[in-house]
Amino acid sequence: MSKTPFTQLANLSGDPAISLPTYVSSDGMPLGIQFEAAKNQDRLLLKVGSLFENNGLFKELKHQTQTPTPAPSATTPSQSSDSTQVSSSTSSSTSSSSLAETSSSNSSTEIPKTDVNSKKKAPKQSIIIYAVKKVYLHKSANFSQENRLTSYAKRARVDRPMFKVTDYVRDNSGRLRYKVVDINSRSRTAGRRGYLTASSKYVQPVYYQNKVASIKVIGKKGLNEYRKLNLSNKVKHDRHGTILKVKDIKVYHLTTRFILQNGHFVSANKRIVIFVK
């Protein structure tokens, strides 16, 4: 008991408990906080853990953070294309999205967790996101009705508006904001720049970051399979509704690709494919 006085209490009582990685010491050692609840209150603890994660309150050790190879240029993704390619001189992949859409994998790549309420300087990273609820694009990081540039309505998954994050900034209260550019090529707002909330309740990564067992094609125009990672040398077209088995996932600049069981590459864009059990 003297060695681990807190965790054993939960083990002996049978009460549910959860430990969250909330701090890294100056010596690089991981520290955390433990929550314990009454019997049969496991869901409450899971909600607490989700709240911490969604607000960037997890702290990771340096060796746990991976970033893909920086890319030299950028292209604008199309709403209906499965060959979306976005490159940047500063690149990083995105963190995991909802549990319903992702599953854990050793081949995943994550953004370093960022405290959305901390007043420390935010890191500069380029990622691709889309809006899952109605959002407003603002002139500055200090949001108000007066500095709203435009709004983006909540849309069906295949039509969600996409943005390239070019920088992370803080408002006067220390809340994290995304500095973005609108990359919806067929929209009247294409190319518009401004600031969006960084809350995962409103915006999430466009591309899967973890390997899944199977995917279903949901893109309006179906999905193309390719021989190469850069989605060149098309070999097959899959219709809407097709189920495909996945072998692995690979990072390509700011995007990801699924490697199918047949060895072909397809886009891991969530507007085109969806995870299925």
Protein backbone atom coordinates (compact mmCIF):
# COMPACT_ATOMS: atom_id res chain seq x y z
CA MET A 1 0.00 0.00 0.00
CA SER A 2 2.89 2.39 0.71
CA LYS A 3 4.11 2.05 -2.88
CA THR A 4 0.81 2.67 -4.66
CA PRO A 5 -1.61 4.02 -2.02
CA PHE A 6 -4.16 5.37 -4.48
CA THR A 7 -4.65 2.75 -7.17
CA GLN A 8 -4.97 -0.11 -4.69
CA LEU A 9 -7.90 1.57 -2.94
CA ALA A 10 -9.95 1.16 -6.10
CA ASN A 11 -8.72 -2.40 -6.56
CA LEU A 12 -9.71 -3.41 -3.03
CA SER A 13 -13.08 -1.64 -3.00
CA GLY A 14 -14.05 -2.63 -6.51
CA ASP A 15 -15.02 0.94 -7.33
CA PRO A 16 -14.30 2.22 -10.87
CA ALA A 17 -11.32 4.56 -11.25
CA ILE A 18 -9.47 6.27 -14.07
CA SER A 19 -5.98 7.78 -14.27
CA LEU A 20 -5.40 10.62 -16.74
CA PRO A 21 -1.96 11.75 -18.06
CA THR A 22 -2.22 15.45 -17.22
CA TYR A 23 1.38 16.48 -16.53
CA VAL A 24 5.02 15.81 -17.43
CA SER A 25 7.63 16.77 -14.83
CA SER A 26 10.74 18.87 -15.53
CA ASP A 27 12.67 15.59 -15.54
CA GLY A 28 10.45 14.24 -18.30
CA MET A 29 8.55 11.86 -16.04
CA PRO A 30 4.81 11.29 -16.63
CA LEU A 31 2.42 12.35 -13.88
CA GLY A 32 -1.35 12.11 -13.74
CA ILE A 33 -4.52 12.56 -11.79
CA GLN A 34 -6.83 9.76 -10.64
CA PHE A 35 -10.61 9.96 -10.39
CA GLU A 36 -12.69 7.41 -8.51
CA ALA A 37 -16.47 7.03 -8.67
CA ALA A 38 -19.20 4.99 -7.03
CA LYS A 39 -19.96 1.47 -8.21
CA ASN A 40 -21.51 1.21 -11.68
CA GLN A 41 -20.50 4.79 -12.51
CA ASP A 42 -17.94 3.80 -15.16
CA ARG A 43 -19.63 5.94 -17.81
CA LEU A 44 -19.19 9.02 -15.63
CA LEU A 45 -15.44 8.44 -15.49
CA LEU A 46 -15.29 7.89 -19.25
CA LYS A 47 -17.05 11.23 -19.75
CA VAL A 48 -14.49 12.91 -17.48
CA GLY A 49 -11.66 11.36 -19.48
CA SER A 50 -13.28 12.45 -22.76
CA LEU A 51 -13.68 15.98 -21.41
CA PHE A 52 -9.98 16.19 -20.57
CA GLU A 53 -8.93 14.77 -23.95
CA ASN A 54 -11.26 16.96 -26.02
CA ASN A 55 -9.94 20.07 -24.29
CA GLY A 56 -6.31 19.18 -24.87
CA LEU A 57 -5.50 18.57 -21.20
CA PHE A 58 -3.46 15.40 -21.76
CA LYS A 59 0.31 15.81 -21.66
CA GLU A 60 2.42 13.39 -23.70
CA LEU A 61 6.07 12.48 -23.41
CA LYS A 62 8.20 13.79 -26.27
CA HIS A 63 8.88 10.32 -27.69
CA GLN A 64 5.12 9.71 -27.99
CA THR A 65 4.65 12.51 -30.52
CA GLN A 66 5.15 11.69 -34.19
CA THR A 67 5.00 14.00 -37.14
CA PRO A 68 4.96 13.11 -40.83
CA THR A 69 7.57 14.30 -43.29
CA PRO A 70 7.08 17.99 -44.22
CA ALA A 71 5.86 18.56 -47.75
CA PRO A 72 7.08 21.27 -50.14
CA SER A 73 3.84 22.51 -51.68
CA ALA A 74 0.06 22.61 -51.30
CA THR A 75 -2.92 21.81 -53.45
CA THR A 76 -6.57 22.48 -52.77
CA PRO A 77 -8.77 19.46 -52.11
CA SER A 78 -12.01 19.05 -54.02
CA GLN A 79 -15.26 18.22 -52.27
CA SER A 80 -15.92 15.17 -54.44
CA SER A 81 -12.40 13.89 -55.22
CA ASP A 82 -10.87 10.90 -53.47
CA SER A 83 -7.37 11.93 -54.58
CA THR A 84 -7.17 14.90 -52.21
CA GLN A 85 -3.58 16.01 -51.66
CA VAL A 86 -2.56 18.85 -49.36
CA SER A 87 1.08 19.70 -48.75
CA SER A 88 2.85 22.28 -46.60
CA SER A 89 6.33 23.31 -45.55
CA THR A 90 5.21 22.74 -41.97
CA SER A 91 3.14 19.62 -41.59
CA SER A 92 1.66 17.41 -38.94
CA SER A 93 -1.12 14.89 -38.83
CA THR A 94 -4.22 15.22 -36.75
CA SER A 95 -5.35 13.76 -33.46
CA SER A 96 -7.98 11.08 -33.23
CA SER A 97 -11.59 11.99 -33.82
CA SER A 98 -14.75 10.38 -32.47
CA LEU A 99 -14.62 6.84 -31.12
CA ALA A 100 -17.25 5.82 -33.65
CA GLU A 101 -14.95 6.68 -36.53
CA THR A 102 -11.54 5.46 -35.37
CA SER A 103 -9.83 2.53 -33.78
CA SER A 104 -6.43 2.29 -32.12
CA SER A 105 -3.38 1.21 -34.12
CA ASN A 106 0.40 1.20 -33.82
CA SER A 107 0.52 2.97 -37.20
CA SER A 108 -1.40 6.02 -36.00
CA THR A 109 0.08 9.51 -36.04
CA GLU A 110 -1.07 12.20 -33.66
CA ILE A 111 -0.74 15.93 -33.11
CA PRO A 112 0.86 16.85 -29.80
CA LYS A 113 -1.94 17.53 -27.32
CA THR A 114 -2.46 21.26 -26.74
CA ASP A 115 -4.14 22.82 -23.72
CA VAL A 116 -6.93 24.93 -25.20
CA ASN A 117 -7.11 27.12 -22.09
CA SER A 118 -3.40 27.57 -21.45
CA LYS A 119 -1.94 31.01 -22.12
CA LYS A 120 1.36 29.54 -23.28
CA LYS A 121 2.43 30.11 -26.86
CA ALA A 122 0.64 27.69 -29.19
CA PRO A 123 2.63 25.59 -31.70
CA LYS A 124 2.47 26.32 -35.40
CA GLN A 125 1.15 23.29 -37.27
CA SER A 126 -0.66 22.67 -40.54
CA ILE A 127 -3.57 20.22 -40.54
CA ILE A 128 -6.81 19.71 -42.45
CA ILE A 129 -10.11 19.88 -40.56
CA TYR A 130 -13.83 19.98 -41.32
CA ALA A 131 -16.79 21.46 -39.46
CA VAL A 132 -19.18 18.98 -37.85
CA LYS A 133 -21.53 21.68 -36.55
CA LYS A 134 -22.36 25.25 -37.53
CA VAL A 135 -19.27 27.43 -37.17
CA TYR A 136 -18.34 31.05 -37.73
CA LEU A 137 -15.21 32.38 -39.42
CA HIS A 138 -13.89 35.44 -37.56
CA LYS A 139 -11.58 38.32 -38.42
CA SER A 140 -9.54 37.85 -35.24
CA ALA A 141 -8.95 35.29 -32.51
CA ASN A 142 -11.13 37.30 -30.10
CA PHE A 143 -14.56 36.14 -31.18
CA SER A 144 -17.58 38.45 -31.25
CA GLN A 145 -20.63 38.93 -33.44
CA GLU A 146 -19.06 42.09 -34.85
CA ASN A 147 -15.98 40.34 -36.27
CA ARG A 148 -17.76 37.40 -37.91
CA LEU A 149 -16.81 37.08 -41.58
CA THR A 150 -19.18 34.29 -42.57
CA SER A 151 -20.90 31.20 -41.21
CA TYR A 152 -20.83 27.56 -42.29
CA ALA A 153 -24.02 25.59 -41.68
CA LYS A 154 -24.01 22.04 -40.37
CA ARG A 155 -23.87 19.76 -43.40
CA ALA A 156 -24.08 16.07 -44.18
CA ARG A 157 -20.77 14.25 -43.71
CA VAL A 158 -19.96 14.09 -47.44
CA ASP A 159 -20.45 17.86 -47.79
CA ARG A 160 -18.83 19.18 -44.61
CA PRO A 161 -16.80 22.38 -45.21
CA MET A 162 -13.02 21.89 -45.03
CA PHE A 163 -10.25 24.18 -43.84
CA LYS A 164 -6.48 24.13 -43.81
CA VAL A 165 -5.09 25.17 -40.44
CA THR A 166 -2.06 27.39 -41.01
CA ASP A 167 -1.40 28.44 -37.42
CA TYR A 168 -2.54 28.08 -33.81
CA VAL A 169 -3.22 31.29 -31.87
CA ARG A 170 -4.73 32.31 -28.52
CA ASP A 171 -7.38 34.89 -27.75
CA ASN A 172 -6.98 37.39 -24.91
CA SER A 173 -8.30 34.80 -22.45
CA GLY A 174 -5.86 32.12 -23.59
CA ARG A 175 -8.38 30.04 -25.54
CA LEU A 176 -6.96 28.20 -28.53
CA ARG A 177 -8.07 29.24 -32.02
CA TYR A 178 -7.26 27.91 -35.47
CA LYS A 179 -6.04 30.32 -38.11
CA VAL A 180 -7.42 28.80 -41.30
CA VAL A 181 -7.99 29.13 -45.01
CA ASP A 182 -11.20 27.90 -46.66
CA ILE A 183 -10.29 25.10 -49.13
CA ASN A 184 -13.76 24.34 -50.47
CA SER A 185 -12.90 24.86 -54.12
CA ARG A 186 -16.49 25.04 -55.42
CA SER A 187 -17.73 27.41 -52.75
CA ARG A 188 -18.06 31.19 -52.99
CA THR A 189 -16.03 31.38 -49.77
CA ALA A 190 -13.06 29.44 -51.19
CA GLY A 191 -9.74 31.04 -50.26
CA ARG A 192 -11.20 33.14 -47.44
CA ARG A 193 -8.99 33.39 -44.37
CA GLY A 194 -9.86 33.87 -40.73
CA TYR A 195 -10.12 32.18 -37.34
CA LEU A 196 -12.16 29.19 -36.15
CA THR A 197 -12.75 27.58 -32.79
CA ALA A 198 -10.39 24.70 -32.02
CA SER A 199 -13.03 22.80 -30.06
CA SER A 200 -13.46 19.20 -31.23
CA LYS A 201 -17.20 19.64 -30.69
CA TYR A 202 -17.23 21.85 -33.79
CA VAL A 203 -14.23 20.89 -35.93
CA GLN A 204 -12.43 17.58 -36.40
CA PRO A 205 -9.72 16.05 -38.60
CA VAL A 206 -10.81 15.28 -42.15
CA TYR A 207 -8.53 12.27 -42.46
CA TYR A 208 -8.48 9.07 -40.45
CA GLN A 209 -5.32 8.73 -38.38
CA ASN A 210 -5.72 5.13 -37.22
CA LYS A 211 -5.99 1.83 -39.03
CA VAL A 212 -9.48 0.34 -39.18
CA ALA A 213 -10.61 -3.14 -40.21
CA SER A 214 -13.03 -2.16 -42.99
CA ILE A 215 -14.35 0.95 -44.70
CA LYS A 216 -17.48 1.72 -46.68
CA VAL A 217 -17.45 4.03 -49.69
CA ILE A 218 -19.80 6.99 -49.07
CA GLY A 219 -18.46 9.46 -51.62
CA LYS A 220 -21.04 10.67 -54.11
CA LYS A 221 -18.82 9.66 -57.03
CA GLY A 222 -17.44 6.52 -55.42
CA LEU A 223 -13.77 5.89 -54.74
CA ASN A 224 -10.73 5.13 -56.87
CA GLU A 225 -8.01 2.62 -56.01
CA TYR A 226 -4.40 3.38 -56.98
CA ARG A 227 -1.08 1.57 -57.17
CA LYS A 228 0.92 4.37 -55.55
CA LEU A 229 0.76 6.28 -52.26
CA ASN A 230 0.36 9.62 -54.05
CA LEU A 231 -2.85 8.24 -55.62
CA SER A 232 -1.49 7.82 -59.13
CA ASN A 233 -1.83 4.88 -61.51
CA LYS A 234 -5.54 4.25 -61.06
CA VAL A 235 -6.40 0.56 -61.19
CA LYS A 236 -10.02 0.32 -60.07
CA HIS A 237 -13.16 2.30 -59.26
CA ASP A 238 -15.41 1.35 -56.33
CA ARG A 239 -19.05 2.39 -56.32
CA HIS A 240 -20.92 4.07 -53.50
CA GLY A 241 -21.69 1.48 -50.79
CA THR A 242 -18.74 -0.82 -51.52
CA ILE A 243 -17.12 -2.41 -48.44
CA LEU A 244 -13.32 -2.66 -48.50
CA LYS A 245 -10.90 -4.50 -46.20
CA VAL A 246 -8.01 -2.41 -44.85
CA LYS A 247 -4.48 -3.69 -44.19
CA ASP A 248 -2.70 -0.52 -43.02
CA ILE A 249 -2.66 3.28 -43.05
CA LYS A 250 0.08 5.61 -44.28
CA VAL A 251 0.68 9.36 -43.88
CA TYR A 252 1.06 11.38 -47.08
CA HIS A 253 1.87 15.05 -46.39
CA LEU A 254 -1.18 16.42 -44.53
CA THR A 255 -3.39 13.51 -45.60
CA THR A 256 -3.54 9.77 -44.95
CA ARG A 257 -4.11 6.77 -47.21
CA PHE A 258 -5.56 3.37 -46.45
CA ILE A 259 -3.70 0.37 -47.84
CA LEU A 260 -6.25 -2.25 -48.85
CA GLN A 261 -5.82 -6.00 -48.53
CA ASN A 262 -5.11 -6.12 -52.29
CA GLY A 263 -2.22 -3.67 -51.82
CA HIS A 264 -3.98 -0.72 -53.49
CA PHE A 265 -4.04 2.78 -51.97
CA VAL A 266 -7.21 4.82 -51.35
CA SER A 267 -7.92 8.14 -49.72
CA ALA A 268 -8.67 8.08 -45.96
CA ASN A 269 -10.83 11.20 -46.28
CA LYS A 270 -13.83 10.88 -43.95
CA ARG A 271 -16.08 12.59 -46.50
CA ILE A 272 -15.42 9.72 -48.89
CA VAL A 273 -15.13 6.64 -46.67
CA ILE A 274 -16.48 5.63 -43.26
CA PHE A 275 -15.31 3.01 -40.78
CA VAL A 276 -17.54 -0.07 -40.50
CA LYS A 277 -17.27 -3.06 -38.17
